[in-house]
Amino acid sequence: MKKLTLIIALFMALTAVNAQHQDHSVVKNAASSELRALQKTVKYQELNKAMRELWSAHMYWTLITVDAFYNDPKGLEAKLNRLLQNQKDIGAAIVPFYGQEAGDKLAQLLTEHIQGAVPVLQSAQSGDKEALDKAVKDWYANAKEIGDFLSAANPKNWTAKETGGALEMHITHTIDYSVSILKGNYSQSFGGFEEALHHMLHLADILTEGLAKQFPDHFMK
């Protein structure tokens, strides 16, 4: 009964917040001739590969950590620490473009993104719906904050709606497959995770494109 209450609470929290975030699909515009030229450079391809690896690791370690929270308490701390390191790695990826302070800020916001998942899982596990609703709301607010930060760094190429919306959808996907893990429906959780991974790889591509458009000389050297 407790597990059923948790599952229902998670679904209700997700549905309530999604009512405020219904249209966050990311539409990729046709690449300009200038962008196509940049995409052929070695530096562009190296950055895109690195971005995809970083965000793939973000997804993988999130999945592993969520599963550990429910099923492997002894392994949780080590897996969570590895996930937190990934946030520092993502922050470091933008240092060559925006400087150390910006990289540290992004790492901080992403660390808060990971930390924000903890009260969601804890309050859901305890069956405290009021605390769960607040935790989910706070988690989405952090996604908006990250989107706003990225948009401020590159306003012409990373709109707050695009980046923030992508991160909000990431949270939606995470809650979705977390519910499947909670149910013990691993086949369904794998499908949900793969959908989430595909979405985040698209974000990695958007980030790479935005950097190339903002700093074209960097890629043509």
N, C-alpha and C. Protein backbone atom coordinates (compact mmCIF):
# COMPACT_ATOMS: atom_id res chain seq x y z
N MET A 1 0.83 -1.20 0.00
CA MET A 1 0.00 0.00 0.00
C MET A 1 0.87 1.26 0.00
N LYS A 2 1.98 1.22 0.78
CA LYS A 2 2.86 2.39 0.84
C LYS A 2 3.46 2.67 -0.53
N LYS A 3 3.89 1.59 -1.23
CA LYS A 3 4.47 1.77 -2.55
C LYS A 3 3.43 2.33 -3.52
N LEU A 4 2.20 1.84 -3.44
CA LEU A 4 1.14 2.34 -4.32
C LEU A 4 0.90 3.82 -4.05
N THR A 5 0.91 4.22 -2.78
CA THR A 5 0.73 5.64 -2.43
C THR A 5 1.83 6.48 -3.03
N LEU A 6 3.05 5.98 -2.97
CA LEU A 6 4.19 6.70 -3.55
C LEU A 6 4.04 6.87 -5.05
N ILE A 7 3.66 5.81 -5.73
CA ILE A 7 3.50 5.87 -7.18
C ILE A 7 2.43 6.90 -7.57
N ILE A 8 1.30 6.85 -6.88
CA ILE A 8 0.22 7.80 -7.15
C ILE A 8 0.68 9.23 -6.89
N ALA A 9 1.40 9.42 -5.79
CA ALA A 9 1.86 10.76 -5.43
C ALA A 9 2.81 11.32 -6.48
N LEU A 10 3.71 10.48 -6.97
CA LEU A 10 4.64 10.92 -8.01
C LEU A 10 3.90 11.31 -9.27
N PHE A 11 2.94 10.50 -9.68
CA PHE A 11 2.17 10.82 -10.89
C PHE A 11 1.39 12.11 -10.72
N MET A 12 0.80 12.30 -9.56
CA MET A 12 0.01 13.51 -9.32
C MET A 12 0.90 14.75 -9.35
N ALA A 13 2.08 14.65 -8.73
CA ALA A 13 3.00 15.79 -8.72
C ALA A 13 3.45 16.12 -10.12
N LEU A 14 3.77 15.10 -10.89
CA LEU A 14 4.22 15.30 -12.27
C LEU A 14 3.13 15.94 -13.11
N THR A 15 1.91 15.45 -12.98
CA THR A 15 0.80 15.99 -13.76
C THR A 15 0.52 17.43 -13.41
N ALA A 16 0.57 17.75 -12.12
CA ALA A 16 0.28 19.12 -11.67
C ALA A 16 1.28 20.11 -12.24
N VAL A 17 2.55 19.77 -12.21
CA VAL A 17 3.56 20.70 -12.71
C VAL A 17 3.56 20.74 -14.22
N ASN A 18 3.30 19.63 -14.87
CA ASN A 18 3.29 19.60 -16.33
C ASN A 18 2.20 20.49 -16.91
N ALA A 19 1.17 20.75 -16.14
CA ALA A 19 0.12 21.64 -16.62
C ALA A 19 0.66 23.03 -16.90
N GLN A 20 1.79 23.35 -16.23
CA GLN A 20 2.41 24.66 -16.42
C GLN A 20 3.49 24.62 -17.49
N HIS A 21 3.87 23.43 -17.96
CA HIS A 21 5.00 23.28 -18.88
C HIS A 21 4.60 22.36 -20.03
N GLN A 22 3.61 22.73 -20.79
CA GLN A 22 3.07 21.82 -21.78
C GLN A 22 3.80 21.87 -23.12
N ASP A 23 4.37 23.01 -23.48
CA ASP A 23 4.93 23.13 -24.82
C ASP A 23 6.40 23.51 -24.76
N HIS A 24 7.22 22.48 -24.49
CA HIS A 24 8.65 22.74 -24.40
C HIS A 24 9.42 21.88 -25.39
N SER A 25 8.80 21.46 -26.47
CA SER A 25 9.53 20.71 -27.48
C SER A 25 10.54 21.62 -28.14
N VAL A 26 11.74 21.07 -28.41
CA VAL A 26 12.81 21.84 -29.01
C VAL A 26 12.80 21.60 -30.51
N VAL A 27 12.63 22.65 -31.27
CA VAL A 27 12.57 22.55 -32.72
C VAL A 27 13.91 23.00 -33.29
N LYS A 28 14.53 22.14 -34.02
CA LYS A 28 15.84 22.44 -34.59
C LYS A 28 15.66 23.15 -35.92
N ASN A 29 16.18 24.37 -36.02
CA ASN A 29 16.09 25.13 -37.26
C ASN A 29 17.06 24.59 -38.30
N ALA A 30 16.72 24.83 -39.54
CA ALA A 30 17.61 24.41 -40.62
C ALA A 30 18.95 25.11 -40.46
N ALA A 31 20.02 24.34 -40.60
CA ALA A 31 21.35 24.90 -40.41
C ALA A 31 21.69 25.85 -41.54
N SER A 32 22.28 26.99 -41.20
CA SER A 32 22.73 27.94 -42.20
C SER A 32 23.99 27.41 -42.86
N SER A 33 24.36 28.02 -43.96
CA SER A 33 25.57 27.60 -44.66
C SER A 33 26.79 27.81 -43.76
N GLU A 34 26.78 28.91 -42.97
CA GLU A 34 27.89 29.17 -42.06
C GLU A 34 28.00 28.07 -40.99
N LEU A 35 26.85 27.67 -40.45
CA LEU A 35 26.87 26.63 -39.44
C LEU A 35 27.31 25.30 -40.04
N ARG A 36 26.83 25.00 -41.22
CA ARG A 36 27.23 23.75 -41.86
C ARG A 36 28.75 23.70 -42.06
N ALA A 37 29.34 24.84 -42.40
CA ALA A 37 30.79 24.89 -42.56
C ALA A 37 31.49 24.63 -41.23
N LEU A 38 30.96 25.22 -40.15
CA LEU A 38 31.54 25.02 -38.83
C LEU A 38 31.41 23.57 -38.38
N GLN A 39 30.29 22.95 -38.72
CA GLN A 39 30.04 21.57 -38.30
C GLN A 39 31.02 20.58 -38.91
N LYS A 40 31.67 20.98 -39.98
CA LYS A 40 32.65 20.12 -40.65
C LYS A 40 34.04 20.21 -40.03
N THR A 41 34.23 21.19 -39.16
CA THR A 41 35.57 21.38 -38.58
C THR A 41 35.84 20.34 -37.50
N VAL A 42 37.13 20.05 -37.29
CA VAL A 42 37.52 19.08 -36.28
C VAL A 42 37.14 19.56 -34.88
N LYS A 43 37.32 20.84 -34.61
CA LYS A 43 37.02 21.38 -33.29
C LYS A 43 35.53 21.27 -32.97
N TYR A 44 34.70 21.51 -33.97
CA TYR A 44 33.25 21.38 -33.75
C TYR A 44 32.90 19.94 -33.42
N GLN A 45 33.42 19.03 -34.20
CA GLN A 45 33.10 17.62 -34.00
C GLN A 45 33.62 17.12 -32.67
N GLU A 46 34.80 17.61 -32.27
CA GLU A 46 35.35 17.21 -30.97
C GLU A 46 34.47 17.74 -29.83
N LEU A 47 34.03 19.00 -29.94
CA LEU A 47 33.18 19.57 -28.90
C LEU A 47 31.85 18.85 -28.84
N ASN A 48 31.26 18.57 -29.99
CA ASN A 48 29.97 17.89 -30.01
C ASN A 48 30.08 16.50 -29.39
N LYS A 49 31.16 15.82 -29.69
CA LYS A 49 31.39 14.49 -29.10
C LYS A 49 31.52 14.60 -27.58
N ALA A 50 32.27 15.60 -27.12
CA ALA A 50 32.45 15.79 -25.68
C ALA A 50 31.14 16.14 -25.00
N MET A 51 30.35 17.04 -25.61
CA MET A 51 29.06 17.42 -25.04
C MET A 51 28.13 16.21 -24.95
N ARG A 52 28.10 15.41 -26.00
CA ARG A 52 27.23 14.24 -25.99
C ARG A 52 27.67 13.24 -24.92
N GLU A 53 28.97 13.08 -24.76
CA GLU A 53 29.45 12.16 -23.73
C GLU A 53 29.12 12.67 -22.33
N LEU A 54 29.27 13.98 -22.12
CA LEU A 54 28.98 14.55 -20.80
C LEU A 54 27.50 14.40 -20.44
N TRP A 55 26.62 14.71 -21.39
CA TRP A 55 25.19 14.63 -21.09
C TRP A 55 24.69 13.19 -21.08
N SER A 56 25.36 12.30 -21.83
CA SER A 56 25.04 10.87 -21.72
C SER A 56 25.41 10.36 -20.33
N ALA A 57 26.58 10.81 -19.83
CA ALA A 57 26.99 10.42 -18.48
C ALA A 57 26.03 10.98 -17.44
N HIS A 58 25.56 12.20 -17.66
CA HIS A 58 24.56 12.79 -16.76
C HIS A 58 23.34 11.90 -16.68
N MET A 59 22.89 11.43 -17.82
CA MET A 59 21.71 10.58 -17.86
C MET A 59 21.97 9.23 -17.22
N TYR A 60 23.10 8.63 -17.57
CA TYR A 60 23.43 7.29 -17.05
C TYR A 60 23.54 7.29 -15.53
N TRP A 61 24.31 8.23 -14.99
CA TRP A 61 24.52 8.25 -13.55
C TRP A 61 23.27 8.69 -12.79
N THR A 62 22.41 9.47 -13.44
CA THR A 62 21.12 9.78 -12.81
C THR A 62 20.28 8.52 -12.67
N LEU A 63 20.21 7.74 -13.74
CA LEU A 63 19.47 6.48 -13.71
C LEU A 63 20.02 5.55 -12.63
N ILE A 64 21.35 5.40 -12.62
CA ILE A 64 21.98 4.51 -11.65
C ILE A 64 21.72 4.97 -10.21
N THR A 65 21.75 6.29 -10.00
CA THR A 65 21.55 6.82 -8.66
C THR A 65 20.09 6.67 -8.21
N VAL A 66 19.15 6.92 -9.11
CA VAL A 66 17.74 6.73 -8.77
C VAL A 66 17.48 5.27 -8.39
N ASP A 67 18.03 4.35 -9.17
CA ASP A 67 17.84 2.94 -8.88
C ASP A 67 18.48 2.58 -7.53
N ALA A 68 19.65 3.17 -7.25
CA ALA A 68 20.31 2.90 -5.97
C ALA A 68 19.49 3.43 -4.80
N PHE A 69 18.84 4.57 -4.99
CA PHE A 69 18.03 5.14 -3.92
C PHE A 69 16.95 4.16 -3.49
N TYR A 70 16.35 3.49 -4.46
CA TYR A 70 15.27 2.55 -4.15
C TYR A 70 15.78 1.16 -3.79
N ASN A 71 16.88 0.74 -4.40
CA ASN A 71 17.24 -0.67 -4.34
C ASN A 71 18.65 -0.99 -3.84
N ASP A 72 19.51 0.02 -3.71
CA ASP A 72 20.90 -0.26 -3.34
C ASP A 72 21.42 0.82 -2.40
N PRO A 73 20.89 0.92 -1.19
CA PRO A 73 21.29 1.99 -0.27
C PRO A 73 22.78 1.98 0.05
N LYS A 74 23.41 0.81 0.05
CA LYS A 74 24.84 0.75 0.35
C LYS A 74 25.67 1.38 -0.77
N GLY A 75 25.18 1.28 -1.99
CA GLY A 75 25.92 1.82 -3.13
C GLY A 75 25.53 3.24 -3.49
N LEU A 76 24.54 3.81 -2.78
CA LEU A 76 23.99 5.10 -3.15
C LEU A 76 25.02 6.22 -3.08
N GLU A 77 25.78 6.29 -2.00
CA GLU A 77 26.70 7.41 -1.82
C GLU A 77 27.75 7.46 -2.94
N ALA A 78 28.34 6.33 -3.27
CA ALA A 78 29.37 6.30 -4.31
C ALA A 78 28.79 6.70 -5.66
N LYS A 79 27.60 6.24 -5.95
CA LYS A 79 26.98 6.55 -7.24
C LYS A 79 26.56 8.02 -7.30
N LEU A 80 26.05 8.53 -6.20
CA LEU A 80 25.68 9.95 -6.14
C LEU A 80 26.92 10.83 -6.30
N ASN A 81 28.02 10.46 -5.67
CA ASN A 81 29.25 11.25 -5.81
C ASN A 81 29.74 11.27 -7.24
N ARG A 82 29.61 10.14 -7.93
CA ARG A 82 30.02 10.09 -9.33
C ARG A 82 29.11 10.99 -10.18
N LEU A 83 27.84 11.01 -9.87
CA LEU A 83 26.91 11.87 -10.58
C LEU A 83 27.24 13.34 -10.33
N LEU A 84 27.58 13.68 -9.11
CA LEU A 84 27.93 15.07 -8.79
C LEU A 84 29.21 15.49 -9.50
N GLN A 85 30.15 14.59 -9.68
CA GLN A 85 31.37 14.92 -10.43
C GLN A 85 31.04 15.28 -11.87
N ASN A 86 30.04 14.61 -12.42
CA ASN A 86 29.63 14.89 -13.80
C ASN A 86 29.16 16.33 -13.96
N GLN A 87 28.57 16.89 -12.92
CA GLN A 87 28.10 18.27 -13.01
C GLN A 87 29.28 19.24 -13.07
N LYS A 88 30.35 18.93 -12.35
CA LYS A 88 31.57 19.72 -12.44
C LYS A 88 32.19 19.61 -13.84
N ASP A 89 32.13 18.42 -14.40
CA ASP A 89 32.69 18.20 -15.74
C ASP A 89 31.93 19.00 -16.79
N ILE A 90 30.61 19.07 -16.66
CA ILE A 90 29.81 19.86 -17.61
C ILE A 90 30.13 21.33 -17.46
N GLY A 91 30.25 21.80 -16.23
CA GLY A 91 30.63 23.20 -16.01
C GLY A 91 31.99 23.51 -16.63
N ALA A 92 32.94 22.59 -16.50
CA ALA A 92 34.28 22.79 -17.05
C ALA A 92 34.26 22.90 -18.56
N ALA A 93 33.27 22.30 -19.20
CA ALA A 93 33.21 22.29 -20.67
C ALA A 93 32.97 23.68 -21.25
N ILE A 94 32.37 24.59 -20.46
CA ILE A 94 32.11 25.93 -21.00
C ILE A 94 33.18 26.94 -20.59
N VAL A 95 34.14 26.52 -19.76
CA VAL A 95 35.19 27.43 -19.31
C VAL A 95 35.99 28.04 -20.46
N PRO A 96 36.36 27.27 -21.50
CA PRO A 96 37.13 27.87 -22.60
C PRO A 96 36.38 29.00 -23.32
N PHE A 97 35.07 29.04 -23.18
CA PHE A 97 34.26 30.04 -23.87
C PHE A 97 33.85 31.20 -22.96
N TYR A 98 33.49 30.90 -21.72
CA TYR A 98 32.92 31.91 -20.84
C TYR A 98 33.75 32.20 -19.59
N GLY A 99 34.81 31.42 -19.36
CA GLY A 99 35.66 31.66 -18.22
C GLY A 99 35.33 30.77 -17.03
N GLN A 100 36.23 30.76 -16.05
CA GLN A 100 36.12 29.87 -14.90
C GLN A 100 34.90 30.18 -14.04
N GLU A 101 34.62 31.47 -13.84
CA GLU A 101 33.49 31.84 -12.99
C GLU A 101 32.18 31.31 -13.54
N ALA A 102 32.01 31.44 -14.86
CA ALA A 102 30.79 30.92 -15.48
C ALA A 102 30.72 29.40 -15.39
N GLY A 103 31.87 28.75 -15.59
CA GLY A 103 31.89 27.29 -15.49
C GLY A 103 31.54 26.83 -14.09
N ASP A 104 32.07 27.53 -13.08
CA ASP A 104 31.75 27.18 -11.70
C ASP A 104 30.27 27.41 -11.39
N LYS A 105 29.70 28.48 -11.96
CA LYS A 105 28.29 28.77 -11.72
C LYS A 105 27.39 27.70 -12.33
N LEU A 106 27.72 27.28 -13.54
CA LEU A 106 26.92 26.22 -14.17
C LEU A 106 27.04 24.93 -13.37
N ALA A 107 28.24 24.61 -12.93
CA ALA A 107 28.43 23.40 -12.12
C ALA A 107 27.61 23.48 -10.83
N GLN A 108 27.57 24.67 -10.23
CA GLN A 108 26.79 24.87 -9.00
C GLN A 108 25.30 24.64 -9.26
N LEU A 109 24.79 25.24 -10.34
CA LEU A 109 23.37 25.09 -10.65
C LEU A 109 23.02 23.64 -10.96
N LEU A 110 23.91 22.95 -11.66
CA LEU A 110 23.66 21.54 -11.97
C LEU A 110 23.78 20.66 -10.73
N THR A 111 24.66 21.04 -9.82
CA THR A 111 24.75 20.32 -8.55
C THR A 111 23.46 20.48 -7.76
N GLU A 112 22.92 21.69 -7.78
CA GLU A 112 21.63 21.93 -7.12
C GLU A 112 20.52 21.14 -7.81
N HIS A 113 20.65 20.96 -9.11
CA HIS A 113 19.70 20.15 -9.87
C HIS A 113 19.70 18.71 -9.36
N ILE A 114 20.89 18.17 -9.11
CA ILE A 114 20.98 16.81 -8.57
C ILE A 114 20.47 16.76 -7.14
N GLN A 115 20.89 17.72 -6.34
CA GLN A 115 20.46 17.75 -4.94
C GLN A 115 18.95 17.92 -4.83
N GLY A 116 18.36 18.61 -5.80
CA GLY A 116 16.91 18.82 -5.79
C GLY A 116 16.11 17.56 -6.00
N ALA A 117 16.75 16.54 -6.55
CA ALA A 117 16.04 15.27 -6.75
C ALA A 117 15.85 14.53 -5.43
N VAL A 118 16.75 14.77 -4.48
CA VAL A 118 16.73 14.02 -3.22
C VAL A 118 15.42 14.22 -2.45
N PRO A 119 14.98 15.47 -2.21
CA PRO A 119 13.72 15.63 -1.48
C PRO A 119 12.51 15.10 -2.26
N VAL A 120 12.61 15.08 -3.59
CA VAL A 120 11.52 14.48 -4.38
C VAL A 120 11.39 13.01 -4.03
N LEU A 121 12.52 12.30 -4.06
CA LEU A 121 12.49 10.87 -3.77
C LEU A 121 12.16 10.60 -2.30
N GLN A 122 12.72 11.42 -1.42
CA GLN A 122 12.49 11.21 0.01
C GLN A 122 11.03 11.44 0.39
N SER A 123 10.45 12.55 -0.07
CA SER A 123 9.07 12.86 0.30
C SER A 123 8.10 11.89 -0.36
N ALA A 124 8.43 11.44 -1.57
CA ALA A 124 7.58 10.44 -2.21
C ALA A 124 7.62 9.13 -1.43
N GLN A 125 8.81 8.76 -0.99
CA GLN A 125 8.96 7.51 -0.25
C GLN A 125 8.20 7.54 1.08
N SER A 126 8.18 8.72 1.70
CA SER A 126 7.48 8.84 2.98
C SER A 126 5.97 9.01 2.82
N GLY A 127 5.54 9.28 1.56
CA GLY A 127 4.12 9.48 1.32
C GLY A 127 3.62 10.86 1.70
N ASP A 128 4.54 11.81 1.84
CA ASP A 128 4.17 13.18 2.20
C ASP A 128 3.89 13.97 0.93
N LYS A 129 2.62 14.02 0.52
CA LYS A 129 2.26 14.64 -0.74
C LYS A 129 2.55 16.14 -0.76
N GLU A 130 2.31 16.81 0.34
CA GLU A 130 2.56 18.26 0.38
C GLU A 130 4.04 18.55 0.17
N ALA A 131 4.89 17.79 0.84
CA ALA A 131 6.33 17.96 0.67
C ALA A 131 6.77 17.58 -0.74
N LEU A 132 6.13 16.55 -1.29
CA LEU A 132 6.46 16.11 -2.64
C LEU A 132 6.13 17.18 -3.67
N ASP A 133 4.94 17.76 -3.56
CA ASP A 133 4.53 18.81 -4.50
C ASP A 133 5.52 19.98 -4.47
N LYS A 134 5.95 20.36 -3.27
CA LYS A 134 6.90 21.46 -3.14
C LYS A 134 8.25 21.08 -3.74
N ALA A 135 8.70 19.85 -3.47
CA ALA A 135 10.00 19.41 -3.98
C ALA A 135 10.02 19.38 -5.51
N VAL A 136 8.93 18.90 -6.11
CA VAL A 136 8.86 18.85 -7.57
C VAL A 136 8.85 20.27 -8.14
N LYS A 137 8.07 21.15 -7.51
CA LYS A 137 8.01 22.55 -7.95
C LYS A 137 9.39 23.21 -7.88
N ASP A 138 10.11 22.96 -6.79
CA ASP A 138 11.45 23.51 -6.62
C ASP A 138 12.41 22.95 -7.67
N TRP A 139 12.23 21.69 -8.01
CA TRP A 139 13.10 21.04 -9.00
C TRP A 139 12.92 21.69 -10.38
N TYR A 140 11.68 21.95 -10.74
CA TYR A 140 11.42 22.63 -12.01
C TYR A 140 11.93 24.07 -11.98
N ALA A 141 11.85 24.71 -10.83
CA ALA A 141 12.35 26.09 -10.72
C ALA A 141 13.85 26.14 -10.96
N ASN A 142 14.56 25.12 -10.50
CA ASN A 142 15.99 25.05 -10.76
C ASN A 142 16.28 24.88 -12.25
N ALA A 143 15.46 24.11 -12.94
CA ALA A 143 15.62 23.94 -14.39
C ALA A 143 15.48 25.28 -15.10
N LYS A 144 14.53 26.07 -14.65
CA LYS A 144 14.35 27.41 -15.23
C LYS A 144 15.57 28.28 -14.96
N GLU A 145 16.12 28.16 -13.75
CA GLU A 145 17.28 28.97 -13.40
C GLU A 145 18.48 28.61 -14.28
N ILE A 146 18.66 27.32 -14.55
CA ILE A 146 19.75 26.89 -15.43
C ILE A 146 19.52 27.43 -16.84
N GLY A 147 18.26 27.32 -17.31
CA GLY A 147 17.93 27.83 -18.64
C GLY A 147 18.18 29.32 -18.75
N ASP A 148 17.83 30.06 -17.70
CA ASP A 148 18.06 31.52 -17.70
C ASP A 148 19.55 31.83 -17.72
N PHE A 149 20.34 31.06 -17.00
CA PHE A 149 21.78 31.27 -16.96
C PHE A 149 22.39 31.06 -18.35
N LEU A 150 22.00 29.97 -19.01
CA LEU A 150 22.53 29.69 -20.34
C LEU A 150 22.09 30.75 -21.34
N SER A 151 20.84 31.15 -21.23
CA SER A 151 20.33 32.17 -22.14
C SER A 151 21.06 33.49 -21.98
N ALA A 152 21.37 33.85 -20.74
CA ALA A 152 22.10 35.10 -20.49
C ALA A 152 23.50 35.05 -21.09
N ALA A 153 24.09 33.86 -21.11
CA ALA A 153 25.43 33.72 -21.67
C ALA A 153 25.43 33.78 -23.19
N ASN A 154 24.34 33.32 -23.80
CA ASN A 154 24.29 33.24 -25.26
C ASN A 154 22.86 33.54 -25.72
N PRO A 155 22.40 34.78 -25.54
CA PRO A 155 20.98 35.10 -25.77
C PRO A 155 20.51 34.93 -27.21
N LYS A 156 21.40 35.08 -28.17
CA LYS A 156 20.99 34.97 -29.57
C LYS A 156 20.76 33.52 -30.00
N ASN A 157 21.39 32.60 -29.32
CA ASN A 157 21.34 31.21 -29.78
C ASN A 157 20.74 30.23 -28.78
N TRP A 158 20.69 30.60 -27.50
CA TRP A 158 20.08 29.75 -26.47
C TRP A 158 18.96 30.53 -25.79
N THR A 159 17.77 30.43 -26.26
CA THR A 159 16.67 31.13 -25.61
C THR A 159 16.33 30.44 -24.30
N ALA A 160 15.83 31.20 -23.34
CA ALA A 160 15.45 30.63 -22.05
C ALA A 160 14.35 29.59 -22.22
N LYS A 161 13.46 29.82 -23.16
CA LYS A 161 12.38 28.86 -23.40
C LYS A 161 12.95 27.54 -23.91
N GLU A 162 13.96 27.64 -24.77
CA GLU A 162 14.53 26.43 -25.36
C GLU A 162 15.35 25.64 -24.35
N THR A 163 16.30 26.31 -23.69
CA THR A 163 17.16 25.60 -22.76
C THR A 163 16.43 25.21 -21.48
N GLY A 164 15.67 26.16 -20.92
CA GLY A 164 14.90 25.85 -19.73
C GLY A 164 13.87 24.78 -20.00
N GLY A 165 13.21 24.87 -21.15
CA GLY A 165 12.21 23.87 -21.51
C GLY A 165 12.81 22.48 -21.66
N ALA A 166 14.03 22.43 -22.22
CA ALA A 166 14.70 21.14 -22.39
C ALA A 166 15.01 20.51 -21.03
N LEU A 167 15.45 21.33 -20.09
CA LEU A 167 15.78 20.82 -18.77
C LEU A 167 14.53 20.46 -17.97
N GLU A 168 13.45 21.20 -18.17
CA GLU A 168 12.18 20.83 -17.55
C GLU A 168 11.71 19.47 -18.06
N MET A 169 11.87 19.27 -19.38
CA MET A 169 11.47 17.99 -19.95
C MET A 169 12.35 16.86 -19.42
N HIS A 170 13.61 17.16 -19.18
CA HIS A 170 14.51 16.18 -18.58
C HIS A 170 13.97 15.74 -17.21
N ILE A 171 13.50 16.67 -16.42
CA ILE A 171 12.93 16.33 -15.12
C ILE A 171 11.67 15.49 -15.28
N THR A 172 10.84 15.87 -16.24
CA THR A 172 9.62 15.10 -16.50
C THR A 172 9.97 13.65 -16.86
N HIS A 173 10.96 13.49 -17.74
CA HIS A 173 11.39 12.14 -18.12
C HIS A 173 11.94 11.37 -16.91
N THR A 174 12.72 12.07 -16.09
CA THR A 174 13.33 11.41 -14.93
C THR A 174 12.26 10.92 -13.95
N ILE A 175 11.28 11.76 -13.70
CA ILE A 175 10.19 11.34 -12.81
C ILE A 175 9.45 10.15 -13.42
N ASP A 176 9.25 10.19 -14.72
CA ASP A 176 8.51 9.13 -15.40
C ASP A 176 9.20 7.78 -15.25
N TYR A 177 10.51 7.72 -15.57
CA TYR A 177 11.16 6.41 -15.47
C TYR A 177 11.46 6.03 -14.02
N SER A 178 11.53 7.03 -13.13
CA SER A 178 11.69 6.72 -11.71
C SER A 178 10.46 6.00 -11.17
N VAL A 179 9.29 6.40 -11.62
CA VAL A 179 8.05 5.72 -11.23
C VAL A 179 8.09 4.27 -11.70
N SER A 180 8.59 4.05 -12.92
CA SER A 180 8.69 2.68 -13.43
C SER A 180 9.65 1.84 -12.59
N ILE A 181 10.77 2.45 -12.18
CA ILE A 181 11.71 1.73 -11.31
C ILE A 181 11.05 1.40 -9.99
N LEU A 182 10.32 2.35 -9.45
CA LEU A 182 9.62 2.14 -8.19
C LEU A 182 8.63 0.98 -8.29
N LYS A 183 7.97 0.89 -9.40
CA LYS A 183 7.01 -0.19 -9.63
C LYS A 183 7.69 -1.54 -9.83
N GLY A 184 9.02 -1.50 -10.14
CA GLY A 184 9.72 -2.73 -10.49
C GLY A 184 9.53 -3.09 -11.93
N ASN A 185 9.01 -2.15 -12.73
CA ASN A 185 8.79 -2.39 -14.15
C ASN A 185 10.03 -1.89 -14.91
N TYR A 186 11.06 -2.72 -14.93
CA TYR A 186 12.33 -2.28 -15.50
C TYR A 186 12.28 -2.17 -17.03
N SER A 187 11.51 -3.02 -17.67
CA SER A 187 11.39 -2.91 -19.13
C SER A 187 10.84 -1.54 -19.51
N GLN A 188 9.83 -1.09 -18.80
CA GLN A 188 9.25 0.22 -19.07
C GLN A 188 10.23 1.34 -18.71
N SER A 189 10.97 1.16 -17.63
CA SER A 189 11.93 2.20 -17.22
C SER A 189 13.03 2.33 -18.26
N PHE A 190 13.44 1.24 -18.89
CA PHE A 190 14.47 1.31 -19.92
C PHE A 190 13.99 2.13 -21.10
N GLY A 191 12.73 1.90 -21.50
CA GLY A 191 12.16 2.67 -22.60
C GLY A 191 12.09 4.15 -22.26
N GLY A 192 11.69 4.46 -21.02
CA GLY A 192 11.62 5.85 -20.59
C GLY A 192 12.99 6.49 -20.54
N PHE A 193 13.98 5.71 -20.11
CA PHE A 193 15.34 6.23 -20.04
C PHE A 193 15.87 6.52 -21.45
N GLU A 194 15.63 5.63 -22.38
CA GLU A 194 16.13 5.82 -23.75
C GLU A 194 15.51 7.07 -24.38
N GLU A 195 14.24 7.31 -24.11
CA GLU A 195 13.60 8.52 -24.60
C GLU A 195 14.25 9.76 -23.97
N ALA A 196 14.51 9.67 -22.67
CA ALA A 196 15.16 10.78 -21.97
C ALA A 196 16.57 11.02 -22.50
N LEU A 197 17.29 9.96 -22.78
CA LEU A 197 18.65 10.09 -23.30
C LEU A 197 18.65 10.75 -24.67
N HIS A 198 17.74 10.33 -25.53
CA HIS A 198 17.64 10.93 -26.86
C HIS A 198 17.38 12.43 -26.75
N HIS A 199 16.53 12.80 -25.82
CA HIS A 199 16.20 14.22 -25.62
C HIS A 199 17.43 15.00 -25.16
N MET A 200 18.21 14.44 -24.26
CA MET A 200 19.37 15.14 -23.75
C MET A 200 20.50 15.22 -24.77
N LEU A 201 20.62 14.25 -25.63
CA LEU A 201 21.60 14.33 -26.72
C LEU A 201 21.24 15.47 -27.67
N HIS A 202 19.95 15.69 -27.84
CA HIS A 202 19.50 16.81 -28.65
C HIS A 202 19.91 18.13 -28.00
N LEU A 203 19.80 18.20 -26.66
CA LEU A 203 20.25 19.40 -25.95
C LEU A 203 21.75 19.59 -26.12
N ALA A 204 22.51 18.51 -26.06
CA ALA A 204 23.96 18.60 -26.27
C ALA A 204 24.27 19.18 -27.64
N ASP A 205 23.50 18.79 -28.64
CA ASP A 205 23.69 19.33 -30.00
C ASP A 205 23.36 20.82 -30.04
N ILE A 206 22.30 21.21 -29.36
CA ILE A 206 21.90 22.61 -29.32
C ILE A 206 22.99 23.46 -28.65
N LEU A 207 23.54 22.95 -27.56
CA LEU A 207 24.60 23.69 -26.88
C LEU A 207 25.83 23.83 -27.77
N THR A 208 26.18 22.78 -28.48
CA THR A 208 27.33 22.84 -29.38
C THR A 208 27.08 23.86 -30.49
N GLU A 209 25.91 23.81 -31.08
CA GLU A 209 25.58 24.74 -32.16
C GLU A 209 25.62 26.19 -31.67
N GLY A 210 25.09 26.41 -30.47
CA GLY A 210 25.08 27.76 -29.93
C GLY A 210 26.48 28.31 -29.71
N LEU A 211 27.37 27.46 -29.23
CA LEU A 211 28.76 27.88 -29.03
C LEU A 211 29.43 28.18 -30.36
N ALA A 212 29.16 27.36 -31.36
CA ALA A 212 29.76 27.58 -32.67
C ALA A 212 29.29 28.89 -33.29
N LYS A 213 28.01 29.18 -33.13
CA LYS A 213 27.47 30.42 -33.69
C LYS A 213 28.01 31.65 -32.96
N GLN A 214 28.18 31.53 -31.64
CA GLN A 214 28.64 32.67 -30.85
C GLN A 214 30.16 32.88 -30.98
N PHE A 215 30.90 31.79 -31.15
CA PHE A 215 32.36 31.86 -31.21
C PHE A 215 32.90 31.17 -32.47
N PRO A 216 32.47 31.59 -33.65
CA PRO A 216 32.88 30.90 -34.88
C PRO A 216 34.40 30.86 -35.08
N ASP A 217 35.09 31.91 -34.68
CA ASP A 217 36.53 31.95 -34.88
C ASP A 217 37.24 30.83 -34.11
N HIS A 218 36.68 30.46 -32.98
CA HIS A 218 37.28 29.40 -32.16
C HIS A 218 37.36 28.10 -32.95
N PHE A 219 36.37 27.85 -33.78
CA PHE A 219 36.29 26.58 -34.49
C PHE A 219 37.02 26.60 -35.83
N MET A 220 37.30 27.77 -36.33
CA MET A 220 37.93 27.88 -37.64
C MET A 220 39.45 28.00 -37.54
N LYS A 221 39.99 28.09 -36.32
CA LYS A 221 41.45 28.22 -36.16
C LYS A 221 42.14 26.90 -36.48
